[in-house]
PDB file of N, CA and C in Angstrom:
ATOM      1  N   MET A   1      68.844 220.410   6.311  1.00  0.00           N
ATOM      2  CA  MET A   1      69.426 221.729   6.328  1.00  0.00           C
ATOM      3  C   MET A   1      70.932 221.617   6.304  1.00  0.00           C
ATOM      4  N   SER A   2      71.532 222.627   5.783  1.00  0.00           N
ATOM      5  CA  SER A   2      72.995 222.603   5.732  1.00  0.00           C
ATOM      6  C   SER A   2      73.560 223.268   6.975  1.00  0.00           C
ATOM      7  N   ASP A   3      74.793 222.918   7.276  1.00  0.00           N
ATOM      8  CA  ASP A   3      75.443 223.465   8.459  1.00  0.00           C
ATOM      9  C   ASP A   3      75.916 224.896   8.229  1.00  0.00           C
ATOM     10  N   THR A   4      76.136 225.255   6.979  1.00  0.00           N
ATOM     11  CA  THR A   4      76.608 226.610   6.709  1.00  0.00           C
ATOM     12  C   THR A   4      75.404 227.527   6.552  1.00  0.00           C
ATOM     13  N   THR A   5      75.451 228.618   7.238  1.00  0.00           N
ATOM     14  CA  THR A   5      74.364 229.604   7.138  1.00  0.00           C
ATOM     15  C   THR A   5      74.923 230.855   6.491  1.00  0.00           C
ATOM     16  N   THR A   6      74.093 231.443   5.667  1.00  0.00           N
ATOM     17  CA  THR A   6      74.500 232.697   5.032  1.00  0.00           C
ATOM     18  C   THR A   6      73.687 233.812   5.647  1.00  0.00           C
ATOM     19  N   ARG A   7      74.303 234.907   5.790  1.00  0.00           N
ATOM     20  CA  ARG A   7      73.623 236.055   6.372  1.00  0.00           C
ATOM     21  C   ARG A   7      72.861 236.800   5.288  1.00  0.00           C
ATOM     22  N   ILE A   8      71.692 237.206   5.628  1.00  0.00           N
ATOM     23  CA  ILE A   8      70.889 238.008   4.705  1.00  0.00           C
ATOM     24  C   ILE A   8      71.193 239.465   5.008  1.00  0.00           C
ATOM     25  N   THR A   9      71.628 240.151   3.991  1.00  0.00           N
ATOM     26  CA  THR A   9      72.001 241.552   4.179  1.00  0.00           C
ATOM     27  C   THR A   9      70.862 242.460   3.761  1.00  0.00           C
ATOM     28  N   ARG A  10      71.026 243.697   4.093  1.00  0.00           N
ATOM     29  CA  ARG A  10      70.041 244.711   3.735  1.00  0.00           C
ATOM     30  C   ARG A  10      69.925 244.818   2.211  1.00  0.00           C
ATOM     31  N   ASP A  11      71.031 244.706   1.520  1.00  0.00           N
ATOM     32  CA  ASP A  11      71.015 244.772   0.056  1.00  0.00           C
ATOM     33  C   ASP A  11      70.200 243.628  -0.550  1.00  0.00           C
ATOM     34  N   ASP A  12      70.297 242.432   0.048  1.00  0.00           N
ATOM     35  CA  ASP A  12      69.513 241.302  -0.435  1.00  0.00           C
ATOM     36  C   ASP A  12      68.012 241.575  -0.304  1.00  0.00           C
ATOM     37  N   ILE A  13      67.620 242.107   0.832  1.00  0.00           N
ATOM     38  CA  ILE A  13      66.206 242.411   1.069  1.00  0.00           C
ATOM     39  C   ILE A  13      65.724 243.496   0.112  1.00  0.00           C
ATOM     40  N   GLU A  14      66.507 244.551  -0.056  1.00  0.00           N
ATOM     41  CA  GLU A  14      66.119 245.633  -0.964  1.00  0.00           C
ATOM     42  C   GLU A  14      65.999 245.141  -2.401  1.00  0.00           C
ATOM     43  N   ALA A  15      66.909 244.276  -2.830  1.00  0.00           N
ATOM     44  CA  ALA A  15      66.857 243.744  -4.193  1.00  0.00           C
ATOM     45  C   ALA A  15      65.599 242.905  -4.396  1.00  0.00           C
ATOM     46  N   LYS A  16      65.255 242.104  -3.414  1.00  0.00           N
ATOM     47  CA  LYS A  16      64.057 241.266  -3.530  1.00  0.00           C
ATOM     48  C   LYS A  16      62.795 242.137  -3.549  1.00  0.00           C
ATOM     49  N   LEU A  17      62.742 243.159  -2.712  1.00  0.00           N
ATOM     50  CA  LEU A  17      61.582 244.050  -2.693  1.00  0.00           C
ATOM     51  C   LEU A  17      61.440 244.809  -4.012  1.00  0.00           C
ATOM     52  N   ARG A  18      62.552 245.227  -4.591  1.00  0.00           N
ATOM     53  CA  ARG A  18      62.497 245.892  -5.902  1.00  0.00           C
ATOM     54  C   ARG A  18      61.958 244.947  -6.976  1.00  0.00           C
ATOM     55  N   ALA A  19      62.371 243.696  -6.926  1.00  0.00           N
ATOM     56  CA  ALA A  19      61.903 242.717  -7.910  1.00  0.00           C
ATOM     57  C   ALA A  19      60.399 242.487  -7.767  1.00  0.00           C
ATOM     58  N   VAL A  20      59.938 242.361  -6.537  1.00  0.00           N
ATOM     59  CA  VAL A  20      58.506 242.147  -6.305  1.00  0.00           C
ATOM     60  C   VAL A  20      57.716 243.376  -6.729  1.00  0.00           C
ATOM     61  N   ARG A  21      58.217 244.539  -6.408  1.00  0.00           N
ATOM     62  CA  ARG A  21      57.512 245.777  -6.776  1.00  0.00           C
ATOM     63  C   ARG A  21      57.453 245.940  -8.288  1.00  0.00           C
ATOM     64  N   GLY A  22      58.488 245.542  -8.986  1.00  0.00           N
ATOM     65  CA  GLY A  22      58.477 245.601 -10.450  1.00  0.00           C
ATOM     66  C   GLY A  22      57.399 244.720 -11.039  1.00  0.00           C
ATOM     67  N   GLU A  23      57.209 243.541 -10.465  1.00  0.00           N
ATOM     68  CA  GLU A  23      56.162 242.632 -10.929  1.00  0.00           C
ATOM     69  C   GLU A  23      54.783 243.225 -10.676  1.00  0.00           C
ATOM     70  N   VAL A  24      54.597 243.822  -9.522  1.00  0.00           N
ATOM     71  CA  VAL A  24      53.305 244.430  -9.176  1.00  0.00           C
ATOM     72  C   VAL A  24      53.007 245.600 -10.105  1.00  0.00           C
ATOM     73  N   THR A  25      54.008 246.395 -10.431  1.00  0.00           N
ATOM     74  CA  THR A  25      53.817 247.528 -11.330  1.00  0.00           C
ATOM     75  C   THR A  25      53.400 247.052 -12.718  1.00  0.00           C
ATOM     76  N   ASP A  26      53.998 245.970 -13.202  1.00  0.00           N
ATOM     77  CA  ASP A  26      53.618 245.425 -14.510  1.00  0.00           C
ATOM     78  C   ASP A  26      52.170 244.958 -14.513  1.00  0.00           C
ATOM     79  N   ILE A  27      51.777 244.265 -13.468  1.00  0.00           N
ATOM     80  CA  ILE A  27      50.399 243.770 -13.368  1.00  0.00           C
ATOM     81  C   ILE A  27      49.427 244.939 -13.261  1.00  0.00           C
ATOM     82  N   GLU A  28      49.818 245.970 -12.537  1.00  0.00           N
ATOM     83  CA  GLU A  28      48.962 247.152 -12.371  1.00  0.00           C
ATOM     84  C   GLU A  28      48.711 247.834 -13.717  1.00  0.00           C
ATOM     85  N   GLU A  29      49.734 247.973 -14.529  1.00  0.00           N
ATOM     86  CA  GLU A  29      49.580 248.611 -15.831  1.00  0.00           C
ATOM     87  C   GLU A  29      48.674 247.786 -16.743  1.00  0.00           C
ATOM     88  N   GLU A  30      48.837 246.462 -16.726  1.00  0.00           N
ATOM     89  CA  GLU A  30      47.988 245.602 -17.542  1.00  0.00           C
ATOM     90  C   GLU A  30      46.532 245.702 -17.103  1.00  0.00           C
ATOM     91  N   THR A  31      46.297 245.729 -15.806  1.00  0.00           N
ATOM     92  CA  THR A  31      44.947 245.818 -15.278  1.00  0.00           C
ATOM     93  C   THR A  31      44.318 247.161 -15.616  1.00  0.00           C
ATOM     94  N   LYS A  32      45.092 248.228 -15.506  1.00  0.00           N
ATOM     95  CA  LYS A  32      44.577 249.554 -15.805  1.00  0.00           C
ATOM     96  C   LYS A  32      44.131 249.643 -17.262  1.00  0.00           C
ATOM     97  N   ASN A  33      44.913 249.088 -18.171  1.00  0.00           N
ATOM     98  CA  ASN A  33      44.536 249.102 -19.585  1.00  0.00           C
ATOM     99  C   ASN A  33      43.255 248.309 -19.814  1.00  0.00           C
ATOM    100  N   GLY A  34      43.127 247.183 -19.165  1.00  0.00           N
ATOM    101  CA  GLY A  34      41.919 246.371 -19.305  1.00  0.00           C
ATOM    102  C   GLY A  34      40.680 247.078 -18.786  1.00  0.00           C
ATOM    103  N   VAL A  35      40.815 247.778 -17.675  1.00  0.00           N
ATOM    104  CA  VAL A  35      39.684 248.506 -17.098  1.00  0.00           C
ATOM    105  C   VAL A  35      39.271 249.653 -18.010  1.00  0.00           C
ATOM    106  N   ILE A  36      40.222 250.344 -18.581  1.00  0.00           N
ATOM    107  CA  ILE A  36      39.905 251.449 -19.487  1.00  0.00           C
ATOM    108  C   ILE A  36      39.164 250.925 -20.716  1.00  0.00           C
ATOM    109  N   ILE A  37      39.630 249.834 -21.284  1.00  0.00           N
ATOM    110  CA  ILE A  37      38.973 249.257 -22.460  1.00  0.00           C
ATOM    111  C   ILE A  37      37.562 248.787 -22.102  1.00  0.00           C
ATOM    112  N   ALA A  38      37.404 248.139 -20.953  1.00  0.00           N
ATOM    113  CA  ALA A  38      36.086 247.675 -20.526  1.00  0.00           C
ATOM    114  C   ALA A  38      35.141 248.865 -20.309  1.00  0.00           C
ATOM    115  N   GLY A  39      35.638 249.947 -19.750  1.00  0.00           N
ATOM    116  CA  GLY A  39      34.815 251.138 -19.548  1.00  0.00           C
ATOM    117  C   GLY A  39      34.336 251.730 -20.859  1.00  0.00           C
ATOM    118  N   ILE A  40      35.225 251.796 -21.827  1.00  0.00           N
ATOM    119  CA  ILE A  40      34.853 252.321 -23.141  1.00  0.00           C
ATOM    120  C   ILE A  40      33.784 251.446 -23.781  1.00  0.00           C
ATOM    121  N   VAL A  41      33.942 250.121 -23.686  1.00  0.00           N
ATOM    122  CA  VAL A  41      32.961 249.201 -24.264  1.00  0.00           C
ATOM    123  C   VAL A  41      31.594 249.380 -23.597  1.00  0.00           C
ATOM    124  N   VAL A  42      31.583 249.532 -22.273  1.00  0.00           N
ATOM    125  CA  VAL A  42      30.317 249.714 -21.559  1.00  0.00           C
ATOM    126  C   VAL A  42      29.642 251.012 -21.977  1.00  0.00           C
ATOM    127  N   VAL A  43      30.395 252.096 -22.089  1.00  0.00           N
ATOM    128  CA  VAL A  43      29.814 253.380 -22.485  1.00  0.00           C
ATOM    129  C   VAL A  43      29.228 253.295 -23.889  1.00  0.00           C
ATOM    130  N   VAL A  44      29.949 252.689 -24.812  1.00  0.00           N
ATOM    131  CA  VAL A  44      29.442 252.553 -26.183  1.00  0.00           C
ATOM    132  C   VAL A  44      28.178 251.696 -26.191  1.00  0.00           C
ATOM    133  N   ALA A  45      28.163 250.613 -25.417  1.00  0.00           N
ATOM    134  CA  ALA A  45      26.986 249.740 -25.368  1.00  0.00           C
ATOM    135  C   ALA A  45      25.773 250.487 -24.807  1.00  0.00           C
ATOM    136  N   VAL A  46      25.972 251.309 -23.789  1.00  0.00           N
ATOM    137  CA  VAL A  46      24.867 252.071 -23.208  1.00  0.00           C
ATOM    138  C   VAL A  46      24.328 253.081 -24.209  1.00  0.00           C
ATOM    139  N   VAL A  47      25.199 253.764 -24.921  1.00  0.00           N
ATOM    140  CA  VAL A  47      24.758 254.758 -25.903  1.00  0.00           C
ATOM    141  C   VAL A  47      23.992 254.086 -27.038  1.00  0.00           C
ATOM    142  N   VAL A  48      24.516 252.987 -27.554  1.00  0.00           N
ATOM    143  CA  VAL A  48      23.829 252.276 -28.643  1.00  0.00           C
ATOM    144  C   VAL A  48      22.490 251.722 -28.146  1.00  0.00           C
ATOM    145  N   GLY A  49      22.472 251.172 -26.955  1.00  0.00           N
ATOM    146  CA  GLY A  49      21.222 250.649 -26.389  1.00  0.00           C
ATOM    147  C   GLY A  49      20.177 251.739 -26.204  1.00  0.00           C
ATOM    148  N   ALA A  50      20.592 252.901 -25.708  1.00  0.00           N
ATOM    149  CA  ALA A  50      19.654 254.011 -25.534  1.00  0.00           C
ATOM    150  C   ALA A  50      19.117 254.484 -26.878  1.00  0.00           C
ATOM    151  N   TYR A  51      19.960 254.532 -27.881  1.00  0.00           N
ATOM    152  CA  TYR A  51      19.528 254.940 -29.219  1.00  0.00           C
ATOM    153  C   TYR A  51      18.501 253.965 -29.780  1.00  0.00           C
ATOM    154  N   LEU A  52      18.816 252.673 -29.699  1.00  0.00           N
ATOM    155  CA  LEU A  52      17.896 251.674 -30.240  1.00  0.00           C
ATOM    156  C   LEU A  52      16.588 251.619 -29.458  1.00  0.00           C
ATOM    157  N   PHE A  53      16.647 251.740 -28.155  1.00  0.00           N
ATOM    158  CA  PHE A  53      15.442 251.738 -27.328  1.00  0.00           C
ATOM    159  C   PHE A  53      14.585 252.965 -27.639  1.00  0.00           C
ATOM    160  N   GLY A  54      15.215 254.095 -27.860  1.00  0.00           N
ATOM    161  CA  GLY A  54      14.484 255.310 -28.203  1.00  0.00           C
ATOM    162  C   GLY A  54      13.814 255.206 -29.558  1.00  0.00           C
ATOM    163  N   ARG A  55      14.471 254.598 -30.511  1.00  0.00           N
ATOM    164  CA  ARG A  55      13.866 254.417 -31.836  1.00  0.00           C
ATOM    165  C   ARG A  55      12.649 253.515 -31.734  1.00  0.00           C
ATOM    166  N   ARG A  56      12.769 252.457 -30.985  1.00  0.00           N
ATOM    167  CA  ARG A  56      11.667 251.512 -30.848  1.00  0.00           C
ATOM    168  C   ARG A  56      10.486 252.158 -30.133  1.00  0.00           C
ATOM    169  N   LYS A  57      10.766 252.895 -29.110  1.00  0.00           N
ATOM    170  CA  LYS A  57       9.714 253.568 -28.348  1.00  0.00           C
ATOM    171  C   LYS A  57       9.013 254.601 -29.225  1.00  0.00           C
ATOM    172  N   GLY A  58       9.750 255.286 -30.049  1.00  0.00           N
ATOM    173  CA  GLY A  58       9.169 256.299 -30.932  1.00  0.00           C
ATOM    174  C   GLY A  58       8.276 255.686 -31.990  1.00  0.00           C
ATOM    175  N   ARG A  59       8.602 254.518 -32.465  1.00  0.00           N
ATOM    176  CA  ARG A  59       7.770 253.853 -33.465  1.00  0.00           C
ATOM    177  C   ARG A  59       6.465 253.369 -32.862  1.00  0.00           C
ATOM    178  N   ARG A  60       6.517 252.910 -31.642  1.00  0.00           N
ATOM    179  CA  ARG A  60       5.342 252.354 -30.996  1.00  0.00           C
ATOM    180  C   ARG A  60       4.262 253.394 -30.733  1.00  0.00           C
ATOM    181  N   SER A  61       4.635 254.500 -30.180  1.00  0.00           N
ATOM    182  CA  SER A  61       3.638 255.462 -29.730  1.00  0.00           C
ATOM    183  C   SER A  61       3.547 256.661 -30.665  1.00  0.00           C
ATOM    184  N   ARG A  62       3.670 256.415 -31.932  1.00  0.00           N
ATOM    185  CA  ARG A  62       3.545 257.487 -32.898  1.00  0.00           C
ATOM    186  C   ARG A  62       2.080 257.921 -32.958  1.00  0.00           C
ATOM    187  N   ALA A  63       1.877 259.165 -32.812  1.00  0.00           N
ATOM    188  CA  ALA A  63       0.496 259.682 -32.801  1.00  0.00           C
ATOM    189  C   ALA A  63       0.030 259.947 -34.237  1.00  0.00           C
ATOM    190  N   ILE A  64      -1.238 259.654 -34.471  1.00  0.00           N
ATOM    191  CA  ILE A  64      -1.850 259.962 -35.767  1.00  0.00           C
ATOM    192  C   ILE A  64      -2.775 261.143 -35.515  1.00  0.00           C
ATOM    193  N   VAL A  65      -2.507 262.210 -36.184  1.00  0.00           N
ATOM    194  CA  VAL A  65      -3.277 263.423 -35.986  1.00  0.00           C
ATOM    195  C   VAL A  65      -4.137 263.651 -37.230  1.00  0.00           C
ATOM    196  N   GLU A  66      -5.447 263.767 -37.021  1.00  0.00           N
ATOM    197  CA  GLU A  66      -6.360 264.059 -38.121  1.00  0.00           C
ATOM    198  C   GLU A  66      -6.800 265.523 -38.016  1.00  0.00           C
ATOM    199  N   ILE A  67      -6.751 266.189 -39.100  1.00  0.00           N
ATOM    200  CA  ILE A  67      -7.198 267.573 -39.112  1.00  0.00           C
ATOM    201  C   ILE A  67      -8.503 267.609 -39.912  1.00  0.00           C
ATOM    202  N   ARG A  68      -9.547 268.111 -39.277  1.00  0.00           N
ATOM    203  CA  ARG A  68     -10.857 268.205 -39.937  1.00  0.00           C
ATOM    204  C   ARG A  68     -11.266 269.652 -39.987  1.00  0.00           C
ATOM    205  N   ARG A  69     -11.856 270.032 -41.075  1.00  0.00           N
ATOM    206  CA  ARG A  69     -12.398 271.380 -41.190  1.00  0.00           C
ATOM    207  C   ARG A  69     -13.848 271.347 -40.761  1.00  0.00           C
ATOM    208  N   VAL A  70     -14.164 272.298 -39.988  1.00  0.00           N
ATOM    209  CA  VAL A  70     -15.555 272.380 -39.512  1.00  0.00           C
ATOM    210  C   VAL A  70     -16.281 273.472 -40.226  1.00  0.00           C
TER     211      VAL A  70
END
C-alpha cells in the first residue's frame, strides 16, 4: 500500500454509480428485446402447432355418411 491516501468524495461515488447504472440499463434493454422476440416465436409456434394438429385430427376422424332411400 502507498503512504499517500486520497479521499473519496461524493462526486466520485455518484460518478461510479452513474456508470454502473448505465451498464445495467444497456443490459436491461438487450434482455427486453430478447424476451419480446422469444415471446413472438413461442406464440407463432403455438398457432402453427394448433393448426397442424387440428388438420391431422380432422383427417383421422372424418365421418363417412351413407344416405339410403327406403
